[in-house]
PDB file of N, CA and C in Angstrom:
ATOM      1  N   MET A   1      17.784 -17.173  -7.967  1.00  0.00           N
ATOM      2  CA  MET A   1      17.043 -16.456  -7.448  1.00  0.00           C
ATOM      3  C   MET A   1      15.837 -15.946  -8.134  1.00  0.00           C
ATOM      4  N   ALA A   2      15.536 -15.663  -7.547  1.00  0.00           N
ATOM      5  CA  ALA A   2      14.460 -14.694  -8.190  1.00  0.00           C
ATOM      6  C   ALA A   2      14.817 -13.378  -8.742  1.00  0.00           C
ATOM      7  N   LYS A   3      13.839 -12.948 -10.162  1.00  0.00           N
ATOM      8  CA  LYS A   3      14.135 -12.105 -10.678  1.00  0.00           C
ATOM      9  C   LYS A   3      13.664 -10.787  -9.618  1.00  0.00           C
ATOM     10  N   LYS A   4      14.423  -9.414 -10.275  1.00  0.00           N
ATOM     11  CA  LYS A   4      13.886  -8.531  -9.585  1.00  0.00           C
ATOM     12  C   LYS A   4      13.154  -7.879 -10.759  1.00  0.00           C
ATOM     13  N   SER A   5      11.877  -6.923  -9.971  1.00  0.00           N
ATOM     14  CA  SER A   5      11.010  -6.521 -10.131  1.00  0.00           C
ATOM     15  C   SER A   5      11.030  -5.292 -10.985  1.00  0.00           C
ATOM     16  N   GLU A   6      10.430  -4.290 -12.069  1.00  0.00           N
ATOM     17  CA  GLU A   6      11.047  -3.246 -12.350  1.00  0.00           C
ATOM     18  C   GLU A   6      11.629  -3.056 -10.532  1.00  0.00           C
ATOM     19  N   ALA A   7      10.319  -2.618 -10.653  1.00  0.00           N
ATOM     20  CA  ALA A   7      10.173  -1.245  -8.881  1.00  0.00           C
ATOM     21  C   ALA A   7       9.906  -1.922  -7.704  1.00  0.00           C
ATOM     22  N   ALA A   8      10.127  -2.020  -7.208  1.00  0.00           N
ATOM     23  CA  ALA A   8       9.261  -1.896  -5.780  1.00  0.00           C
ATOM     24  C   ALA A   8       7.570  -2.115  -5.332  1.00  0.00           C
ATOM     25  N   LYS A   9       7.385  -3.381  -4.859  1.00  0.00           N
ATOM     26  CA  LYS A   9       5.572  -3.481  -5.443  1.00  0.00           C
ATOM     27  C   LYS A   9       4.827  -3.431  -3.218  1.00  0.00           C
ATOM     28  N   VAL A  10       4.074  -2.566  -3.464  1.00  0.00           N
ATOM     29  CA  VAL A  10       3.203  -3.614  -2.399  1.00  0.00           C
ATOM     30  C   VAL A  10       1.594  -3.238  -2.529  1.00  0.00           C
ATOM     31  N   VAL A  11       1.013  -4.329  -1.639  1.00  0.00           N
ATOM     32  CA  VAL A  11      -0.314  -3.629  -1.856  1.00  0.00           C
ATOM     33  C   VAL A  11      -1.895  -3.177  -1.088  1.00  0.00           C
ATOM     34  N   THR A  12      -1.924  -2.392  -2.431  1.00  0.00           N
ATOM     35  CA  THR A  12      -3.201  -1.837  -1.563  1.00  0.00           C
ATOM     36  C   THR A  12      -4.572  -1.930  -1.727  1.00  0.00           C
ATOM     37  N   ALA A  13      -5.680  -1.679  -1.103  1.00  0.00           N
ATOM     38  CA  ALA A  13      -6.790  -1.768  -1.178  1.00  0.00           C
ATOM     39  C   ALA A  13      -7.444  -0.589  -0.071  1.00  0.00           C
ATOM     40  N   ASN A  14      -8.900  -0.706  -0.367  1.00  0.00           N
ATOM     41  CA  ASN A  14      -9.422  -0.064   1.116  1.00  0.00           C
ATOM     42  C   ASN A  14     -10.513  -1.030   1.601  1.00  0.00           C
ATOM     43  N   ARG A  15     -10.394  -0.639   2.858  1.00  0.00           N
ATOM     44  CA  ARG A  15     -10.958  -1.926   4.331  1.00  0.00           C
ATOM     45  C   ARG A  15     -12.916  -1.624   4.088  1.00  0.00           C
ATOM     46  N   LEU A  16     -13.144  -2.759   4.257  1.00  0.00           N
ATOM     47  CA  LEU A  16     -14.641  -2.296   3.835  1.00  0.00           C
ATOM     48  C   LEU A  16     -14.861  -2.045   5.381  1.00  0.00           C
ATOM     49  N   GLY A  17     -14.436  -2.249   5.806  1.00  0.00           N
ATOM     50  CA  GLY A  17     -15.241  -1.405   6.681  1.00  0.00           C
ATOM     51  C   GLY A  17     -15.645  -0.619   7.633  1.00  0.00           C
ATOM     52  N   ASP A  18     -14.762   0.573   7.228  1.00  0.00           N
ATOM     53  CA  ASP A  18     -14.234   2.069   7.188  1.00  0.00           C
ATOM     54  C   ASP A  18     -14.148   3.157   5.065  1.00  0.00           C
ATOM     55  N   GLY A  19     -13.601   2.169   4.700  1.00  0.00           N
ATOM     56  CA  GLY A  19     -12.929   2.694   3.548  1.00  0.00           C
ATOM     57  C   GLY A  19     -12.205   3.538   3.321  1.00  0.00           C
ATOM     58  N   LEU A  20     -11.268   3.272   4.403  1.00  0.00           N
ATOM     59  CA  LEU A  20      -9.400   3.221   4.163  1.00  0.00           C
ATOM     60  C   LEU A  20      -8.775   2.830   3.468  1.00  0.00           C
ATOM     61  N   VAL A  21      -7.885   3.831   3.102  1.00  0.00           N
ATOM     62  CA  VAL A  21      -7.060   3.182   2.502  1.00  0.00           C
ATOM     63  C   VAL A  21      -6.338   2.280   2.940  1.00  0.00           C
ATOM     64  N   VAL A  22      -5.806   1.148   2.908  1.00  0.00           N
ATOM     65  CA  VAL A  22      -5.006   0.113   3.676  1.00  0.00           C
ATOM     66  C   VAL A  22      -3.262  -0.423   2.729  1.00  0.00           C
ATOM     67  N   PHE A  23      -3.193  -0.838   3.035  1.00  0.00           N
ATOM     68  CA  PHE A  23      -1.518  -1.136   3.102  1.00  0.00           C
ATOM     69  C   PHE A  23      -1.435  -2.911   3.967  1.00  0.00           C
ATOM     70  N   LEU A  24      -1.453  -3.917   2.804  1.00  0.00           N
ATOM     71  CA  LEU A  24      -0.581  -5.266   3.397  1.00  0.00           C
ATOM     72  C   LEU A  24       0.431  -5.137   4.109  1.00  0.00           C
ATOM     73  N   GLY A  25      -0.098  -5.373   5.581  1.00  0.00           N
ATOM     74  CA  GLY A  25       1.820  -5.988   6.357  1.00  0.00           C
ATOM     75  C   GLY A  25       2.336  -7.232   6.119  1.00  0.00           C
ATOM     76  N   GLN A  26       2.618  -6.873   7.831  1.00  0.00           N
ATOM     77  CA  GLN A  26       3.552  -8.392   7.843  1.00  0.00           C
ATOM     78  C   GLN A  26       2.214  -9.377   8.233  1.00  0.00           C
ATOM     79  N   GLU A  27       2.985 -10.307   7.988  1.00  0.00           N
ATOM     80  CA  GLU A  27       1.489 -11.469   8.455  1.00  0.00           C
ATOM     81  C   GLU A  27       0.175 -11.611   7.857  1.00  0.00           C
ATOM     82  N   GLY A  28       0.720 -10.191   6.908  1.00  0.00           N
ATOM     83  CA  GLY A  28      -0.622 -10.484   6.759  1.00  0.00           C
ATOM     84  C   GLY A  28      -2.204  -9.235   7.280  1.00  0.00           C
ATOM     85  N   VAL A  29      -1.298  -8.679   8.112  1.00  0.00           N
ATOM     86  CA  VAL A  29      -2.084  -7.384   9.060  1.00  0.00           C
ATOM     87  C   VAL A  29      -2.569  -6.372   7.823  1.00  0.00           C
ATOM     88  N   TRP A  30      -3.821  -5.704   7.612  1.00  0.00           N
ATOM     89  CA  TRP A  30      -3.459  -3.975   7.029  1.00  0.00           C
ATOM     90  C   TRP A  30      -3.024  -3.434   7.794  1.00  0.00           C
ATOM     91  N   VAL A  31      -2.591  -2.155   7.040  1.00  0.00           N
ATOM     92  CA  VAL A  31      -2.497  -1.318   8.024  1.00  0.00           C
ATOM     93  C   VAL A  31      -2.244   0.461   7.439  1.00  0.00           C
ATOM     94  N   GLU A  32      -2.705   0.897   7.902  1.00  0.00           N
ATOM     95  CA  GLU A  32      -3.520   2.478   7.446  1.00  0.00           C
ATOM     96  C   GLU A  32      -1.383   3.502   6.545  1.00  0.00           C
ATOM     97  N   ASP A  33      -0.384   2.412   8.111  1.00  0.00           N
ATOM     98  CA  ASP A  33       1.091   3.011   7.044  1.00  0.00           C
ATOM     99  C   ASP A  33       1.356   2.582   5.833  1.00  0.00           C
ATOM    100  N   ILE A  34       1.588   3.891   5.140  1.00  0.00           N
ATOM    101  CA  ILE A  34       2.345   2.567   3.789  1.00  0.00           C
ATOM    102  C   ILE A  34       3.845   2.201   4.110  1.00  0.00           C
ATOM    103  N   GLY A  35       4.484   2.307   5.830  1.00  0.00           N
ATOM    104  CA  GLY A  35       5.720   2.333   6.044  1.00  0.00           C
ATOM    105  C   GLY A  35       5.829   1.090   6.965  1.00  0.00           C
ATOM    106  N   LYS A  36       4.770   1.004   6.666  1.00  0.00           N
ATOM    107  CA  LYS A  36       4.802  -0.853   7.348  1.00  0.00           C
ATOM    108  C   LYS A  36       3.841  -1.820   6.584  1.00  0.00           C
ATOM    109  N   ALA A  37       4.426  -1.922   5.211  1.00  0.00           N
ATOM    110  CA  ALA A  37       3.527  -2.444   4.114  1.00  0.00           C
ATOM    111  C   ALA A  37       4.560  -3.394   3.820  1.00  0.00           C
ATOM    112  N   GLU A  38       4.502  -4.621   3.681  1.00  0.00           N
ATOM    113  CA  GLU A  38       5.392  -5.675   3.357  1.00  0.00           C
ATOM    114  C   GLU A  38       5.573  -5.568   1.425  1.00  0.00           C
ATOM    115  N   ILE A  39       7.006  -5.278   1.482  1.00  0.00           N
ATOM    116  CA  ILE A  39       7.644  -5.287  -0.045  1.00  0.00           C
ATOM    117  C   ILE A  39       8.412  -6.050  -0.753  1.00  0.00           C
ATOM    118  N   ALA A  40       7.634  -5.789  -2.026  1.00  0.00           N
ATOM    119  CA  ALA A  40       8.258  -6.929  -2.575  1.00  0.00           C
ATOM    120  C   ALA A  40       8.730  -6.609  -3.932  1.00  0.00           C
ATOM    121  N   HIS A  41      10.322  -7.019  -3.299  1.00  0.00           N
ATOM    122  CA  HIS A  41      11.620  -6.558  -4.153  1.00  0.00           C
ATOM    123  C   HIS A  41      11.690  -7.669  -6.004  1.00  0.00           C
ATOM    124  N   ALA A  42      10.896  -8.709  -5.531  1.00  0.00           N
ATOM    125  CA  ALA A  42      10.810  -9.697  -6.680  1.00  0.00           C
ATOM    126  C   ALA A  42       9.370 -10.066  -7.677  1.00  0.00           C
ATOM    127  N   ASN A  43       9.557 -10.382  -8.441  1.00  0.00           N
ATOM    128  CA  ASN A  43       8.007 -10.329  -8.933  1.00  0.00           C
ATOM    129  C   ASN A  43       7.558 -11.999  -8.701  1.00  0.00           C
ATOM    130  N   GLY A  44       7.516 -12.690  -7.981  1.00  0.00           N
ATOM    131  CA  GLY A  44       7.601 -13.622  -6.962  1.00  0.00           C
ATOM    132  C   GLY A  44       6.462 -13.908  -5.640  1.00  0.00           C
ATOM    133  N   ASP A  45       7.370 -12.721  -5.265  1.00  0.00           N
ATOM    134  CA  ASP A  45       7.140 -12.465  -4.044  1.00  0.00           C
ATOM    135  C   ASP A  45       5.421 -11.221  -4.336  1.00  0.00           C
ATOM    136  N   ALA A  46       5.756 -10.933  -5.349  1.00  0.00           N
ATOM    137  CA  ALA A  46       5.120  -9.131  -5.780  1.00  0.00           C
ATOM    138  C   ALA A  46       3.300 -10.346  -5.788  1.00  0.00           C
ATOM    139  N   ASP A  47       3.845 -11.736  -6.512  1.00  0.00           N
ATOM    140  CA  ASP A  47       2.354 -12.345  -7.283  1.00  0.00           C
ATOM    141  C   ASP A  47       1.724 -12.937  -5.793  1.00  0.00           C
ATOM    142  N   ALA A  48       2.828 -13.072  -4.878  1.00  0.00           N
ATOM    143  CA  ALA A  48       2.310 -14.084  -3.868  1.00  0.00           C
ATOM    144  C   ALA A  48       1.759 -12.810  -2.312  1.00  0.00           C
ATOM    145  N   LEU A  49       2.118 -11.741  -2.453  1.00  0.00           N
ATOM    146  CA  LEU A  49       1.673 -10.828  -1.615  1.00  0.00           C
ATOM    147  C   LEU A  49      -0.153 -10.469  -2.258  1.00  0.00           C
ATOM    148  N   LEU A  50       0.115 -10.656  -3.524  1.00  0.00           N
ATOM    149  CA  LEU A  50      -1.209  -9.936  -4.348  1.00  0.00           C
ATOM    150  C   LEU A  50      -2.168 -11.216  -3.334  1.00  0.00           C
ATOM    151  N   GLN A  51      -2.293 -12.161  -3.508  1.00  0.00           N
ATOM    152  CA  GLN A  51      -2.908 -12.794  -3.457  1.00  0.00           C
ATOM    153  C   GLN A  51      -3.443 -13.230  -2.153  1.00  0.00           C
ATOM    154  N   GLN A  52      -2.672 -12.672  -1.526  1.00  0.00           N
ATOM    155  CA  GLN A  52      -2.538 -12.352   0.230  1.00  0.00           C
ATOM    156  C   GLN A  52      -3.744 -11.719   0.412  1.00  0.00           C
ATOM    157  N   GLY A  53      -3.358 -10.773  -1.071  1.00  0.00           N
ATOM    158  CA  GLY A  53      -5.209  -9.355  -0.805  1.00  0.00           C
ATOM    159  C   GLY A  53      -6.358 -10.015  -0.997  1.00  0.00           C
ATOM    160  N   LEU A  54      -5.995 -10.595  -2.226  1.00  0.00           N
ATOM    161  CA  LEU A  54      -7.080 -11.751  -2.394  1.00  0.00           C
ATOM    162  C   LEU A  54      -7.764 -12.310  -1.878  1.00  0.00           C
ATOM    163  N   ASN A  55      -6.964 -12.507  -1.331  1.00  0.00           N
ATOM    164  CA  ASN A  55      -7.518 -13.778  -0.115  1.00  0.00           C
ATOM    165  C   ASN A  55      -8.640 -13.025   0.956  1.00  0.00           C
ATOM    166  N   ALA A  56      -7.920 -11.652   1.531  1.00  0.00           N
ATOM    167  CA  ALA A  56      -8.718 -11.110   2.847  1.00  0.00           C
ATOM    168  C   ALA A  56      -9.395 -10.285   1.675  1.00  0.00           C
ATOM    169  N   GLU A  57      -9.609 -10.214   0.047  1.00  0.00           N
ATOM    170  CA  GLU A  57     -10.821  -9.900  -0.385  1.00  0.00           C
ATOM    171  C   GLU A  57     -12.079 -10.487  -0.420  1.00  0.00           C
ATOM    172  N   LYS A  58     -11.571 -11.840  -0.248  1.00  0.00           N
ATOM    173  CA  LYS A  58     -13.232 -12.949  -0.611  1.00  0.00           C
ATOM    174  C   LYS A  58     -13.232 -13.025   0.628  1.00  0.00           C
ATOM    175  N   ALA A  59     -13.018 -12.712   1.681  1.00  0.00           N
ATOM    176  CA  ALA A  59     -13.284 -13.133   3.369  1.00  0.00           C
ATOM    177  C   ALA A  59     -13.303 -11.868   4.065  1.00  0.00           C
ATOM    178  N   ASN A  60     -13.225 -10.794   3.500  1.00  0.00           N
ATOM    179  CA  ASN A  60     -14.468  -9.530   2.809  1.00  0.00           C
ATOM    180  C   ASN A  60     -14.032  -8.721   4.852  1.00  0.00           C
ATOM    181  N   HIS A  61     -12.066  -8.396   4.187  1.00  0.00           N
ATOM    182  CA  HIS A  61     -12.113  -7.337   4.953  1.00  0.00           C
ATOM    183  C   HIS A  61     -11.767  -6.032   4.164  1.00  0.00           C
ATOM    184  N   VAL A  62     -11.575  -6.645   2.678  1.00  0.00           N
ATOM    185  CA  VAL A  62     -11.067  -5.244   2.242  1.00  0.00           C
ATOM    186  C   VAL A  62     -11.189  -5.793   1.072  1.00  0.00           C
ATOM    187  N   VAL A  63     -11.052  -4.756  -0.268  1.00  0.00           N
ATOM    188  CA  VAL A  63     -12.231  -4.064  -0.998  1.00  0.00           C
ATOM    189  C   VAL A  63     -10.848  -4.094  -2.762  1.00  0.00           C
ATOM    190  N   GLU A  64     -10.674  -4.652  -3.289  1.00  0.00           N
ATOM    191  CA  GLU A  64      -9.909  -4.493  -4.350  1.00  0.00           C
ATOM    192  C   GLU A  64      -8.991  -3.962  -4.668  1.00  0.00           C
ATOM    193  N   PRO A  65      -8.190  -5.109  -3.829  1.00  0.00           N
ATOM    194  CA  PRO A  65      -6.770  -5.119  -3.413  1.00  0.00           C
ATOM    195  C   PRO A  65      -5.901  -5.022  -5.145  1.00  0.00           C
ATOM    196  N   TYR A  66      -4.277  -4.472  -5.233  1.00  0.00           N
ATOM    197  CA  TYR A  66      -4.275  -5.017  -6.290  1.00  0.00           C
ATOM    198  C   TYR A  66      -2.840  -3.908  -6.354  1.00  0.00           C
ATOM    199  N   LEU A  67      -1.358  -4.043  -7.221  1.00  0.00           N
ATOM    200  CA  LEU A  67      -0.159  -4.030  -6.407  1.00  0.00           C
ATOM    201  C   LEU A  67      -0.476  -2.479  -6.835  1.00  0.00           C
ATOM    202  N   ILE A  68       1.169  -2.051  -6.270  1.00  0.00           N
ATOM    203  CA  ILE A  68       1.187  -0.563  -6.394  1.00  0.00           C
ATOM    204  C   ILE A  68       3.018  -0.037  -6.312  1.00  0.00           C
ATOM    205  N   ASP A  69       3.389   0.616  -7.361  1.00  0.00           N
ATOM    206  CA  ASP A  69       5.042   0.493  -7.136  1.00  0.00           C
ATOM    207  C   ASP A  69       5.353   1.109  -5.719  1.00  0.00           C
ATOM    208  N   VAL A  70       6.742   0.880  -5.669  1.00  0.00           N
ATOM    209  CA  VAL A  70       7.028   2.017  -4.568  1.00  0.00           C
ATOM    210  C   VAL A  70       8.770   2.217  -4.877  1.00  0.00           C
ATOM    211  N   GLY A  71       8.950   3.377  -4.361  1.00  0.00           N
ATOM    212  CA  GLY A  71      10.594   3.815  -3.905  1.00  0.00           C
ATOM    213  C   GLY A  71      10.858   3.344  -2.547  1.00  0.00           C
ATOM    214  N   ASP A  72      11.649   2.344  -2.543  1.00  0.00           N
ATOM    215  CA  ASP A  72      11.887   2.111  -1.343  1.00  0.00           C
ATOM    216  C   ASP A  72      13.216   1.965  -0.992  1.00  0.00           C
ATOM    217  N   ASP A  73      13.615   3.266  -0.132  1.00  0.00           N
ATOM    218  CA  ASP A  73      14.729   3.155   0.390  1.00  0.00           C
ATOM    219  C   ASP A  73      14.891   3.882   1.714  1.00  0.00           C
ATOM    220  N   GLU A  74      15.662   4.035   2.476  1.00  0.00           N
ATOM    221  CA  GLU A  74      15.967   4.083   4.523  1.00  0.00           C
ATOM    222  C   GLU A  74      15.273   5.056   4.547  1.00  0.00           C
ATOM    223  N   ALA A  75      14.718   6.463   3.813  1.00  0.00           N
ATOM    224  CA  ALA A  75      14.241   7.606   4.623  1.00  0.00           C
ATOM    225  C   ALA A  75      12.813   6.703   4.545  1.00  0.00           C
ATOM    226  N   ALA A  76      12.238   6.894   3.080  1.00  0.00           N
ATOM    227  CA  ALA A  76      11.164   6.505   3.269  1.00  0.00           C
ATOM    228  C   ALA A  76      10.251   5.493   2.784  1.00  0.00           C
ATOM    229  N   VAL A  77       9.142   4.493   2.740  1.00  0.00           N
ATOM    230  CA  VAL A  77       8.232   3.935   1.190  1.00  0.00           C
ATOM    231  C   VAL A  77       7.323   5.114   0.621  1.00  0.00           C
ATOM    232  N   THR A  78       7.894   5.084  -0.224  1.00  0.00           N
ATOM    233  CA  THR A  78       6.945   6.139  -1.846  1.00  0.00           C
ATOM    234  C   THR A  78       5.868   5.675  -2.902  1.00  0.00           C
ATOM    235  N   PRO A  79       5.200   5.655  -2.307  1.00  0.00           N
ATOM    236  CA  PRO A  79       4.445   6.153  -3.782  1.00  0.00           C
ATOM    237  C   PRO A  79       5.025   6.200  -5.342  1.00  0.00           C
ATOM    238  N   LEU A  80       5.126   5.848  -6.231  1.00  0.00           N
ATOM    239  CA  LEU A  80       5.814   5.962  -7.700  1.00  0.00           C
ATOM    240  C   LEU A  80       4.607   6.957  -8.084  1.00  0.00           C
ATOM    241  N   HIS A  81       3.760   6.247  -8.436  1.00  0.00           N
ATOM    242  CA  HIS A  81       2.595   7.646  -8.841  1.00  0.00           C
ATOM    243  C   HIS A  81       1.232   8.176  -8.185  1.00  0.00           C
ATOM    244  N   ILE A  82       1.527   9.258  -9.165  1.00  0.00           N
ATOM    245  CA  ILE A  82       0.988  10.592  -8.036  1.00  0.00           C
ATOM    246  C   ILE A  82      -0.708   9.967  -7.558  1.00  0.00           C
ATOM    247  N   ARG A  83      -1.088   9.406  -8.448  1.00  0.00           N
ATOM    248  CA  ARG A  83      -2.297   8.191  -8.161  1.00  0.00           C
ATOM    249  C   ARG A  83      -2.469   8.125  -6.453  1.00  0.00           C
ATOM    250  N   GLU A  84      -1.387   6.988  -6.948  1.00  0.00           N
ATOM    251  CA  GLU A  84      -0.664   6.499  -5.397  1.00  0.00           C
ATOM    252  C   GLU A  84      -0.564   7.411  -3.861  1.00  0.00           C
ATOM    253  N   ARG A  85       0.199   8.183  -4.355  1.00  0.00           N
ATOM    254  CA  ARG A  85       0.031   9.609  -3.094  1.00  0.00           C
ATOM    255  C   ARG A  85      -0.342   9.885  -3.076  1.00  0.00           C
ATOM    256  N   ILE A  86      -1.766  10.658  -3.681  1.00  0.00           N
ATOM    257  CA  ILE A  86      -2.963  10.787  -2.851  1.00  0.00           C
ATOM    258  C   ILE A  86      -3.500  10.272  -2.430  1.00  0.00           C
ATOM    259  N   ARG A  87      -3.882   9.182  -2.545  1.00  0.00           N
ATOM    260  CA  ARG A  87      -4.853   8.113  -2.091  1.00  0.00           C
ATOM    261  C   ARG A  87      -3.804   7.955  -0.517  1.00  0.00           C
ATOM    262  N   THR A  88      -3.024   8.295   0.199  1.00  0.00           N
ATOM    263  CA  THR A  88      -1.837   7.082   0.972  1.00  0.00           C
ATOM    264  C   THR A  88      -1.892   8.304   1.830  1.00  0.00           C
ATOM    265  N   LEU A  89      -1.988  10.061   0.784  1.00  0.00           N
ATOM    266  CA  LEU A  89      -2.295  11.382   1.828  1.00  0.00           C
ATOM    267  C   LEU A  89      -3.801  11.554   2.218  1.00  0.00           C
ATOM    268  N   GLY A  90      -4.834  11.639   1.499  1.00  0.00           N
ATOM    269  CA  GLY A  90      -6.575  11.624   2.380  1.00  0.00           C
ATOM    270  C   GLY A  90      -6.567  13.414   1.018  1.00  0.00           C
ATOM    271  N   PRO A  91      -8.007  13.163   1.570  1.00  0.00           N
ATOM    272  CA  PRO A  91      -7.995  14.372  -0.092  1.00  0.00           C
ATOM    273  C   PRO A  91      -7.216  14.980  -0.184  1.00  0.00           C
ATOM    274  N   SER A  92      -7.490  15.668  -1.549  1.00  0.00           N
ATOM    275  CA  SER A  92      -6.060  16.773  -2.046  1.00  0.00           C
ATOM    276  C   SER A  92      -6.713  18.302  -2.418  1.00  0.00           C
ATOM    277  N   VAL A  93      -7.942  18.096  -1.467  1.00  0.00           N
ATOM    278  CA  VAL A  93      -8.070  19.506  -1.624  1.00  0.00           C
ATOM    279  C   VAL A  93      -8.540  20.093  -1.008  1.00  0.00           C
ATOM    280  N   ARG A  94      -7.726  20.196   0.233  1.00  0.00           N
ATOM    281  CA  ARG A  94      -7.582  20.728   2.041  1.00  0.00           C
ATOM    282  C   ARG A  94      -6.657  19.662   2.405  1.00  0.00           C
ATOM    283  N   LEU A  95      -5.836  20.643   2.970  1.00  0.00           N
ATOM    284  CA  LEU A  95      -3.855  20.503   3.789  1.00  0.00           C
ATOM    285  C   LEU A  95      -4.418  19.828   5.215  1.00  0.00           C
ATOM    286  N   ASP A  96      -5.345  20.704   5.765  1.00  0.00           N
ATOM    287  CA  ASP A  96      -5.751  20.659   7.065  1.00  0.00           C
ATOM    288  C   ASP A  96      -7.167  19.883   7.411  1.00  0.00           C
ATOM    289  N   LEU A  97      -7.042  18.477   6.073  1.00  0.00           N
ATOM    290  CA  LEU A  97      -7.567  16.666   6.275  1.00  0.00           C
ATOM    291  C   LEU A  97      -6.272  16.164   5.890  1.00  0.00           C
ATOM    292  N   GLY A  98      -7.355  15.219   6.234  1.00  0.00           N
ATOM    293  CA  GLY A  98      -6.817  13.701   5.939  1.00  0.00           C
ATOM    294  C   GLY A  98      -5.307  13.029   6.902  1.00  0.00           C
ATOM    295  N   LYS A  99      -4.565  12.385   6.509  1.00  0.00           N
ATOM    296  CA  LYS A  99      -2.967  12.328   6.914  1.00  0.00           C
ATOM    297  C   LYS A  99      -2.228  13.884   6.211  1.00  0.00           C
ATOM    298  N   GLN A 100      -2.428  14.415   5.257  1.00  0.00           N
ATOM    299  CA  GLN A 100      -1.700  15.918   4.824  1.00  0.00           C
ATOM    300  C   GLN A 100      -1.415  16.448   5.514  1.00  0.00           C
ATOM    301  N   ALA A 101      -2.680  16.521   6.829  1.00  0.00           N
ATOM    302  CA  ALA A 101      -3.109  17.566   7.927  1.00  0.00           C
ATOM    303  C   ALA A 101      -1.535  17.579   8.916  1.00  0.00           C
ATOM    304  N   GLY A 102      -1.025  15.805   8.806  1.00  0.00           N
ATOM    305  CA  GLY A 102      -0.420  15.576  10.509  1.00  0.00           C
ATOM    306  C   GLY A 102       1.121  15.748   9.860  1.00  0.00           C
ATOM    307  N   GLU A 103       1.784  14.667  10.132  1.00  0.00           N
ATOM    308  CA  GLU A 103       3.554  15.226  10.161  1.00  0.00           C
ATOM    309  C   GLU A 103       4.325  13.668   8.926  1.00  0.00           C
ATOM    310  N   HIS A 104       3.152  12.669   8.310  1.00  0.00           N
ATOM    311  CA  HIS A 104       3.623  11.685   7.188  1.00  0.00           C
ATOM    312  C   HIS A 104       3.675  12.591   5.927  1.00  0.00           C
ATOM    313  N   LEU A 105       4.414  13.501   5.774  1.00  0.00           N
ATOM    314  CA  LEU A 105       4.508  14.085   4.006  1.00  0.00           C
ATOM    315  C   LEU A 105       5.475  12.688   3.689  1.00  0.00           C
ATOM    316  N   PHE A 106       5.355  13.176   2.188  1.00  0.00           N
ATOM    317  CA  PHE A 106       5.723  12.369   1.426  1.00  0.00           C
ATOM    318  C   PHE A 106       7.383  13.596   0.982  1.00  0.00           C
TER     319      PHE A 106
END
């Protein structure tokens, strides 16, 4: 049995074509919605997901993939660090722009 991580983790990066924040989803597909991200609950799984992200970076699909801690409950997948919450929602200076202007709020 794999050792549990301190927190669930997902891989995030910026898409090379347009700079948008993306998350590694199932089957290696990059998604804009963190709720569709592949979640790692064990350290080995997180390492494997990060390696997929690094491979996508080498293939020029994304830049700077890295792991972030997330809260994973039935209601939502939520970044635990404020920096990642801001990256997920969009600009913090105008609430009428970015994803926070829509219904996707934490």
